[in-house]
Amino acid sequence: MSRSIAEQVAILMHGVEYGDRQLAERMTQELRERLAEGRPLKVYCGYDPTAPDIHLGHTVTMRKLRQFQDLGHEVTFLIGTFTGQIGGDPSDKDSVRSQQTPEQVAENTRTYAEQAFKILDRERTIVRYNADWLSKLSFEEVIRLASCFTVQQFLARDNFRKRWDAKDPIWMHEFFYALMQSYDAVMLETDVQLGGTEQLFNLMAGRKLQETFGQRPQVCIVMPILVGTDGHMRMSKSTGNYIGVNEPPGEQYGKVMSLPDKAMSSYFNLVTRWSPEEVAGLEKDLAGGRLHPMEAKHRLAREVVEIFHGKEAADQARTRFEQLHQKRDLPQDMPGFTLSEPMKLLDLMVASGLVPSKSEGRRLIRQGGVQLDGRRISDLNAVVVTDGASVLRVGKRRFLRLERT
């Protein structure tokens, strides 16, 4: 059954975040005009393979892409095989990203599309690689692209302005990222480009470059940034606060259950398949005391696992979690440790006396002997955050109850 233009606009613009009412109204109107043409729109989002795994943060825009697919539009999943070589988009960073070799990018790219198909419809997804056109640009062509923008426009961006004011270096190659992403829009002749809120400058630059090339400027749809398991920092593998789409069901379930209560609404809206009405009902029940936050978190954890592993795996993950955390026989006199803010796991283990040194802590982590709420921790750079009901276990007999100030 086809949807009306009004229904499509309501679905596709739900959850977007511009931070500017006039821009939101303009993008909504332009989307409405394109839909009125009665043709499948060309829609894309680009993903730089700066790490080999996709996490829930990436799936926020993928879920919006899937909505476009379900409404009959043409979706391109663009892998940044060229932009990834400069380390990815600097938009969300206050310092320069490290560059990658073509070999590193190729290795990270190997499973990107396959992971994306956990959200996107494999049969209706076009996969492209921007090295196919960016690597062929001549220096003369790059100069012509650069002539479309001013240095002042780039320095007005928040992350570059902070580094400028702090007298931190801003490297020339970082300016070229927006040029490359803009050229992607030109080469794909896109109607709509998706991105996170930190990429708005790049998406708007794509509109300008499309006009320069005689194309109709794209509609820009920007989605909020998903916070990580610590509840306040952007989800990122480098900070250890991520939930990977390829992680085992138990790992995913346990990580979702470790989320601070304040982060649940964001996850309800950004990573689930729940309708706006279902989310509103959950939040109303939570606010009215008819639904306990722990049960709401169980529902969220189950939904996340079911998306990536199926219903049976989700059922089993909940059963195992309850066996580990609600029916386990933990020592009643275990020592406590108060966390006033997120803390690196190794620092916590040493500060609490669980291990005598960081080297001993690293050895135990590598051997799989460290668990947080029954979930094995394998990341040496993991950051620990708790809502006041967590237990850290080292080896078979050392326990620590984590409390929050």
Protein backbone atom coordinates (compact mmCIF):
# COMPACT_ATOMS: atom_id res chain seq x y z
CA MET A 1 0.00 0.00 0.00
CA SER A 2 1.51 3.34 -1.11
CA ARG A 3 1.86 6.20 1.34
CA SER A 4 0.67 9.75 0.78
CA ILE A 5 3.22 12.55 0.55
CA ALA A 6 2.18 13.81 3.99
CA GLU A 7 2.66 10.34 5.49
CA GLN A 8 6.08 9.94 3.87
CA VAL A 9 7.24 13.34 5.10
CA ALA A 10 6.07 12.51 8.64
CA ILE A 11 8.00 9.24 8.61
CA LEU A 12 11.17 10.51 6.95
CA MET A 13 11.50 13.72 8.97
CA HIS A 14 10.76 12.06 12.31
CA GLY A 15 13.75 12.29 14.63
CA VAL A 16 15.81 14.68 12.50
CA GLU A 17 17.75 17.40 14.30
CA TYR A 18 18.90 20.60 12.58
CA GLY A 19 19.18 23.01 15.49
CA ASP A 20 17.68 25.67 13.21
CA ARG A 21 13.92 25.98 12.70
CA GLN A 22 14.13 27.80 9.37
CA LEU A 23 16.53 25.22 7.92
CA ALA A 24 14.29 22.40 9.14
CA GLU A 25 11.28 23.99 7.45
CA ARG A 26 13.22 24.53 4.21
CA MET A 27 14.48 20.94 4.05
CA THR A 28 10.99 19.62 4.85
CA GLN A 29 9.45 21.69 2.07
CA GLU A 30 12.11 20.63 -0.43
CA LEU A 31 11.56 16.97 0.47
CA ARG A 32 7.82 17.42 0.01
CA GLU A 33 8.41 18.93 -3.44
CA ARG A 34 10.63 16.04 -4.54
CA LEU A 35 8.15 13.46 -3.31
CA ALA A 36 5.40 15.24 -5.25
CA GLU A 37 7.27 14.38 -8.47
CA GLY A 38 6.11 10.80 -7.99
CA ARG A 39 9.46 9.11 -8.67
CA PRO A 40 11.88 7.12 -6.52
CA LEU A 41 14.34 9.55 -4.93
CA LYS A 42 18.08 8.91 -5.00
CA VAL A 43 19.20 8.74 -1.39
CA TYR A 44 22.60 7.99 0.12
CA CYS A 45 24.75 8.09 3.21
CA GLY A 46 28.51 7.61 3.35
CA TYR A 47 30.43 5.58 5.92
CA ASP A 48 34.20 5.78 6.36
CA PRO A 49 35.81 2.42 7.24
CA THR A 50 38.03 3.80 10.01
CA ALA A 51 37.52 0.56 12.01
CA PRO A 52 36.51 -2.96 10.93
CA ASP A 53 33.21 -3.05 12.80
CA ILE A 54 29.96 -1.13 12.60
CA HIS A 55 28.35 -0.14 15.90
CA LEU A 56 24.90 1.07 16.91
CA GLY A 57 25.93 4.68 16.30
CA HIS A 58 26.27 3.92 12.58
CA THR A 59 22.83 2.33 12.45
CA VAL A 60 21.01 5.59 13.27
CA THR A 61 21.36 6.82 9.68
CA MET A 62 21.05 3.27 8.32
CA ARG A 63 17.63 2.95 9.93
CA LYS A 64 16.57 6.17 8.21
CA LEU A 65 17.91 4.77 4.92
CA ARG A 66 15.79 1.68 5.51
CA GLN A 67 12.71 3.89 5.89
CA PHE A 68 13.43 5.38 2.48
CA GLN A 69 13.79 1.86 1.06
CA ASP A 70 10.51 0.71 2.55
CA LEU A 71 8.82 3.69 0.91
CA GLY A 72 10.18 2.66 -2.50
CA HIS A 73 13.15 4.99 -2.89
CA GLU A 74 16.62 4.17 -4.29
CA VAL A 75 19.24 3.85 -1.56
CA THR A 76 23.02 3.88 -1.99
CA PHE A 77 25.30 2.69 0.80
CA LEU A 78 28.52 4.57 0.07
CA ILE A 79 31.75 3.25 1.57
CA GLY A 80 34.43 5.91 1.89
CA THR A 81 37.36 3.95 0.53
CA PHE A 82 39.07 7.22 -0.42
CA THR A 83 37.88 9.56 2.35
CA GLY A 84 38.71 6.82 4.86
CA GLN A 85 42.37 7.10 3.96
CA ILE A 86 42.61 10.50 5.64
CA GLY A 87 41.17 8.95 8.81
CA GLY A 88 37.54 9.85 8.24
CA ASP A 89 35.50 13.00 8.70
CA PRO A 90 37.15 15.51 11.10
CA SER A 91 33.75 17.14 11.80
CA ASP A 92 33.25 15.47 15.18
CA LYS A 93 36.81 15.79 16.41
CA ASP A 94 38.68 18.50 18.28
CA SER A 95 42.00 17.11 17.02
CA VAL A 96 43.32 15.66 13.79
CA ARG A 97 42.53 12.05 12.94
CA SER A 98 45.31 9.67 12.01
CA GLN A 99 45.54 8.69 8.36
CA GLN A 100 45.19 5.11 7.14
CA THR A 101 46.95 3.17 4.44
CA PRO A 102 44.96 1.78 1.47
CA GLU A 103 45.61 -1.69 2.90
CA GLN A 104 44.07 -0.74 6.27
CA VAL A 105 41.04 0.76 4.57
CA ALA A 106 40.61 -2.34 2.40
CA GLU A 107 40.72 -4.60 5.45
CA ASN A 108 38.19 -2.48 7.34
CA THR A 109 35.94 -2.35 4.28
CA ARG A 110 35.81 -6.11 3.83
CA THR A 111 32.72 -6.72 5.99
CA TYR A 112 31.11 -3.25 6.06
CA ALA A 113 28.32 -3.91 3.58
CA GLU A 114 27.56 -7.32 5.09
CA GLN A 115 27.13 -5.74 8.52
CA ALA A 116 24.97 -2.97 7.04
CA PHE A 117 22.58 -5.57 5.60
CA LYS A 118 21.51 -6.34 9.16
CA ILE A 119 19.55 -3.08 8.79
CA LEU A 120 19.29 -2.43 5.05
CA ASP A 121 17.48 -4.56 2.48
CA ARG A 122 20.22 -6.41 0.61
CA GLU A 123 18.18 -6.69 -2.59
CA ARG A 124 17.36 -2.98 -2.70
CA THR A 125 20.73 -1.52 -1.69
CA ILE A 126 23.30 -0.13 -4.12
CA VAL A 127 26.84 -0.33 -2.73
CA ARG A 128 29.37 2.20 -4.09
CA TYR A 129 32.97 3.16 -3.21
CA ASN A 130 34.10 6.77 -3.48
CA ALA A 131 37.65 5.85 -4.46
CA ASP A 132 36.11 5.02 -7.85
CA TRP A 133 35.90 8.75 -8.65
CA LEU A 134 37.90 10.64 -6.02
CA SER A 135 41.12 8.80 -6.82
CA LYS A 136 40.80 9.89 -10.45
CA LEU A 137 40.56 13.64 -9.84
CA SER A 138 43.45 15.67 -11.25
CA PHE A 139 45.13 18.37 -9.18
CA GLU A 140 43.55 20.97 -11.47
CA GLU A 141 40.10 19.55 -10.72
CA VAL A 142 40.77 19.60 -6.98
CA ILE A 143 41.74 23.28 -7.19
CA ARG A 144 38.50 24.05 -9.02
CA LEU A 145 36.51 22.31 -6.28
CA ALA A 146 38.41 24.25 -3.61
CA SER A 147 37.65 27.54 -5.34
CA CYS A 148 33.97 27.10 -4.47
CA PHE A 149 34.63 27.72 -0.77
CA THR A 150 36.41 30.23 1.46
CA VAL A 151 38.81 29.65 4.35
CA GLN A 152 36.45 31.69 6.54
CA GLN A 153 33.65 29.20 5.90
CA PHE A 154 35.78 26.37 7.22
CA LEU A 155 37.13 28.27 10.21
CA ALA A 156 33.58 29.11 11.26
CA ARG A 157 32.97 25.41 11.96
CA ASP A 158 32.85 24.72 15.67
CA ASN A 159 35.56 22.05 15.85
CA PHE A 160 38.04 24.02 13.71
CA ARG A 161 37.25 27.23 15.61
CA LYS A 162 38.04 25.54 18.93
CA ARG A 163 41.38 24.31 17.63
CA TRP A 164 42.15 27.72 16.10
CA ASP A 165 41.40 29.49 19.38
CA ALA A 166 43.50 26.94 21.30
CA LYS A 167 46.34 27.43 18.76
CA ASP A 168 46.20 23.70 17.97
CA PRO A 169 47.22 22.68 14.44
CA ILE A 170 44.62 22.44 11.68
CA TRP A 171 46.04 20.54 8.75
CA MET A 172 45.31 21.47 5.14
CA HIS A 173 44.18 17.97 4.22
CA GLU A 174 41.36 18.21 6.79
CA PHE A 175 39.75 21.01 4.76
CA PHE A 176 39.56 18.72 1.77
CA TYR A 177 37.19 16.28 3.47
CA ALA A 178 34.17 18.51 2.86
CA LEU A 179 35.24 18.90 -0.78
CA MET A 180 35.39 15.13 -1.21
CA GLN A 181 32.03 14.51 0.45
CA SER A 182 30.49 17.30 -1.65
CA TYR A 183 31.85 15.70 -4.81
CA ASP A 184 30.31 12.37 -3.76
CA ALA A 185 26.90 14.07 -3.90
CA VAL A 186 27.67 15.36 -7.40
CA MET A 187 28.81 11.97 -8.69
CA LEU A 188 25.76 10.21 -7.24
CA GLU A 189 23.43 12.99 -8.48
CA THR A 190 21.63 12.56 -5.19
CA ASP A 191 18.25 13.93 -4.19
CA VAL A 192 18.78 13.33 -0.47
CA GLN A 193 21.90 12.85 1.64
CA LEU A 194 21.85 11.65 5.24
CA GLY A 195 24.39 12.33 7.97
CA GLY A 196 24.86 13.03 11.65
CA THR A 197 24.36 16.52 13.05
CA GLU A 198 28.11 17.09 13.06
CA GLN A 199 28.14 16.63 9.27
CA LEU A 200 25.67 19.39 8.44
CA PHE A 201 28.42 21.63 7.04
CA ASN A 202 29.54 18.87 4.67
CA LEU A 203 26.00 18.14 3.51
CA MET A 204 25.27 21.81 2.87
CA ALA A 205 28.58 22.10 1.01
CA GLY A 206 27.30 19.29 -1.21
CA ARG A 207 24.30 21.47 -2.11
CA LYS A 208 26.61 24.29 -3.16
CA LEU A 209 28.80 22.03 -5.29
CA GLN A 210 25.79 20.43 -6.96
CA GLU A 211 24.58 23.88 -7.99
CA THR A 212 28.03 24.62 -9.40
CA PHE A 213 27.74 21.49 -11.54
CA GLY A 214 24.26 22.43 -12.72
CA GLN A 215 22.43 19.96 -10.48
CA ARG A 216 19.48 20.56 -8.22
CA PRO A 217 20.79 20.86 -4.61
CA GLN A 218 20.11 17.86 -2.41
CA VAL A 219 17.83 17.70 0.59
CA CYS A 220 19.94 17.33 3.75
CA ILE A 221 18.61 15.09 6.52
CA VAL A 222 20.65 15.09 9.71
CA MET A 223 20.19 12.70 12.61
CA PRO A 224 21.16 13.11 16.28
CA ILE A 225 24.38 11.58 17.58
CA LEU A 226 23.94 8.41 19.63
CA VAL A 227 25.65 8.51 23.02
CA GLY A 228 27.69 5.51 24.06
CA THR A 229 27.22 3.17 26.99
CA ASP A 230 28.64 5.81 29.33
CA GLY A 231 25.56 7.94 28.63
CA HIS A 232 27.26 11.19 27.62
CA MET A 233 30.09 10.69 25.11
CA ARG A 234 29.52 9.94 21.42
CA MET A 235 29.54 6.20 20.75
CA SER A 236 32.99 5.27 19.49
CA LYS A 237 35.20 2.23 19.43
CA SER A 238 38.20 4.38 20.39
CA THR A 239 36.56 5.30 23.71
CA GLY A 240 35.31 1.77 24.39
CA ASN A 241 31.69 2.87 24.89
CA TYR A 242 30.27 1.13 21.83
CA ILE A 243 27.85 -1.72 21.11
CA GLY A 244 28.93 -3.54 17.95
CA VAL A 245 26.36 -4.97 15.56
CA ASN A 246 28.43 -8.16 15.23
CA GLU A 247 28.91 -8.72 18.96
CA PRO A 248 27.41 -11.87 20.51
CA PRO A 249 23.83 -11.62 21.84
CA GLY A 250 24.93 -11.76 25.47
CA GLU A 251 27.46 -8.97 24.97
CA GLN A 252 24.88 -6.73 23.32
CA TYR A 253 22.26 -7.48 25.98
CA GLY A 254 24.64 -6.81 28.84
CA LYS A 255 25.90 -3.55 27.36
CA VAL A 256 22.38 -2.24 26.83
CA MET A 257 21.50 -3.17 30.42
CA SER A 258 24.50 -1.13 31.61
CA LEU A 259 23.15 2.07 30.03
CA PRO A 260 22.36 4.92 32.42
CA ASP A 261 18.61 5.51 32.66
CA LYS A 262 18.98 8.98 31.15
CA ALA A 263 20.19 7.48 27.85
CA MET A 264 17.21 5.19 27.31
CA SER A 265 14.99 7.70 25.50
CA SER A 266 17.71 8.37 22.94
CA TYR A 267 18.07 4.64 22.28
CA PHE A 268 14.29 4.13 22.10
CA ASN A 269 14.10 6.72 19.32
CA LEU A 270 17.31 6.08 17.41
CA VAL A 271 18.14 2.35 17.37
CA THR A 272 14.85 0.45 17.68
CA ARG A 273 12.17 -0.52 15.17
CA TRP A 274 9.50 0.94 17.45
CA SER A 275 7.07 3.49 16.04
CA PRO A 276 6.91 7.03 17.47
CA GLU A 277 3.61 6.04 19.08
CA GLU A 278 5.18 2.99 20.78
CA VAL A 279 8.09 5.09 22.07
CA ALA A 280 5.73 7.77 23.37
CA GLY A 281 3.73 5.10 25.20
CA LEU A 282 6.85 3.66 26.83
CA GLU A 283 8.06 7.07 27.95
CA LYS A 284 4.63 7.95 29.31
CA ASP A 285 4.50 4.72 31.32
CA LEU A 286 8.00 5.36 32.66
CA ALA A 287 7.14 8.92 33.67
CA GLY A 288 3.92 7.76 35.32
CA GLY A 289 5.59 5.00 37.30
CA ARG A 290 3.63 2.24 35.52
CA LEU A 291 6.82 0.81 34.02
CA HIS A 292 9.98 0.22 36.04
CA PRO A 293 13.16 1.56 34.38
CA MET A 294 14.80 -1.87 34.69
CA GLU A 295 11.97 -3.55 32.77
CA ALA A 296 12.10 -0.82 30.12
CA LYS A 297 15.82 -1.49 29.77
CA HIS A 298 15.13 -5.22 29.41
CA ARG A 299 12.71 -4.46 26.57
CA LEU A 300 15.31 -2.24 24.91
CA ALA A 301 18.07 -4.86 25.28
CA ARG A 302 15.80 -7.54 23.88
CA GLU A 303 14.89 -5.35 20.88
CA VAL A 304 18.54 -4.62 20.06
CA VAL A 305 19.53 -8.29 20.21
CA GLU A 306 16.49 -9.36 18.19
CA ILE A 307 17.37 -6.88 15.42
CA PHE A 308 20.82 -8.37 14.91
CA HIS A 309 20.45 -11.99 16.05
CA GLY A 310 16.75 -12.88 15.97
CA LYS A 311 13.98 -13.59 18.47
CA GLU A 312 15.34 -16.87 19.84
CA ALA A 313 18.76 -15.35 20.58
CA ALA A 314 17.07 -12.39 22.30
CA ASP A 315 15.01 -14.70 24.51
CA GLN A 316 18.11 -16.69 25.46
CA ALA A 317 20.10 -13.51 26.16
CA ARG A 318 17.49 -12.28 28.62
CA THR A 319 17.33 -15.65 30.37
CA ARG A 320 21.11 -15.80 30.72
CA PHE A 321 21.27 -12.22 31.96
CA GLU A 322 18.68 -12.88 34.64
CA GLN A 323 20.48 -16.04 35.72
CA LEU A 324 23.74 -14.13 36.03
CA HIS A 325 22.47 -10.96 37.65
CA GLN A 326 19.25 -11.69 39.44
CA LYS A 327 19.73 -15.25 40.65
CA ARG A 328 23.48 -15.44 41.12
CA ASP A 329 25.09 -16.14 44.46
CA LEU A 330 27.36 -13.16 45.03
CA PRO A 331 29.26 -12.56 48.26
CA GLN A 332 27.30 -10.24 50.52
CA ASP A 333 30.37 -8.60 51.98
CA MET A 334 32.11 -7.59 48.75
CA PRO A 335 33.90 -4.22 48.95
CA GLY A 336 32.44 -1.17 47.28
CA PHE A 337 33.98 1.53 45.11
CA THR A 338 32.38 4.88 44.31
CA LEU A 339 32.57 6.29 40.79
CA SER A 340 31.96 10.01 40.44
CA GLU A 341 32.55 9.85 36.66
CA PRO A 342 33.43 7.27 33.97
CA MET A 343 36.82 5.69 34.68
CA LYS A 344 39.21 3.59 32.63
CA LEU A 345 38.94 -0.08 33.59
CA LEU A 346 42.67 -0.51 34.25
CA ASP A 347 42.78 2.60 36.45
CA LEU A 348 39.74 1.33 38.36
CA MET A 349 41.24 -2.11 38.94
CA VAL A 350 44.42 -0.60 40.37
CA ALA A 351 42.72 2.17 42.38
CA SER A 352 40.32 -0.30 44.01
CA GLY A 353 43.06 -2.80 44.87
CA LEU A 354 41.70 -5.59 42.67
CA VAL A 355 45.12 -5.86 41.00
CA PRO A 356 48.53 -4.64 42.13
CA SER A 357 49.49 -3.09 38.78
CA LYS A 358 48.21 -2.22 35.32
CA SER A 359 50.40 -4.91 33.78
CA GLU A 360 48.64 -7.52 35.92
CA GLY A 361 45.31 -6.01 34.93
CA ARG A 362 46.20 -6.22 31.24
CA ARG A 363 47.18 -9.86 31.64
CA LEU A 364 43.86 -10.73 33.27
CA ILE A 365 41.86 -8.84 30.64
CA ARG A 366 43.71 -10.61 27.82
CA GLN A 367 43.02 -13.96 29.48
CA GLY A 368 39.30 -13.22 29.74
CA GLY A 369 39.35 -13.02 33.53
CA VAL A 370 37.59 -9.66 33.94
CA GLN A 371 33.79 -9.31 33.88
CA LEU A 372 31.43 -6.41 34.42
CA ASP A 373 27.93 -7.56 35.35
CA GLY A 374 28.71 -10.99 33.95
CA ARG A 375 29.93 -9.58 30.65
CA ARG A 376 33.52 -10.38 29.79
CA ILE A 377 35.65 -7.32 29.04
CA SER A 378 38.30 -7.78 26.35
CA ASP A 379 39.08 -4.15 25.51
CA LEU A 380 42.20 -2.88 27.30
CA ASN A 381 40.94 0.69 26.82
CA ALA A 382 37.44 0.03 28.17
CA VAL A 383 35.80 2.79 30.18
CA VAL A 384 33.56 1.80 33.11
CA VAL A 385 30.34 3.62 33.90
CA THR A 386 27.65 2.46 36.33
CA ASP A 387 24.15 3.42 37.38
CA GLY A 388 24.86 2.14 40.87
CA ALA A 389 24.04 -1.55 40.46
CA SER A 390 27.15 -3.04 38.83
CA VAL A 391 29.57 -5.73 39.95
CA LEU A 392 33.13 -5.99 38.67
CA ARG A 393 34.66 -9.45 38.91
CA VAL A 394 38.35 -10.26 38.51
CA GLY A 395 39.28 -13.92 38.37
CA LYS A 396 37.09 -16.33 40.32
CA ARG A 397 37.06 -14.76 43.77
CA ARG A 398 37.62 -11.01 43.58
CA PHE A 399 34.43 -8.93 43.46
CA LEU A 400 33.81 -5.20 43.63
CA ARG A 401 30.43 -3.48 43.93
CA LEU A 402 30.43 -0.25 41.92
CA GLU A 403 28.44 2.66 43.24
CA ARG A 404 27.62 6.03 41.72
CA THR A 405 27.77 9.33 43.58
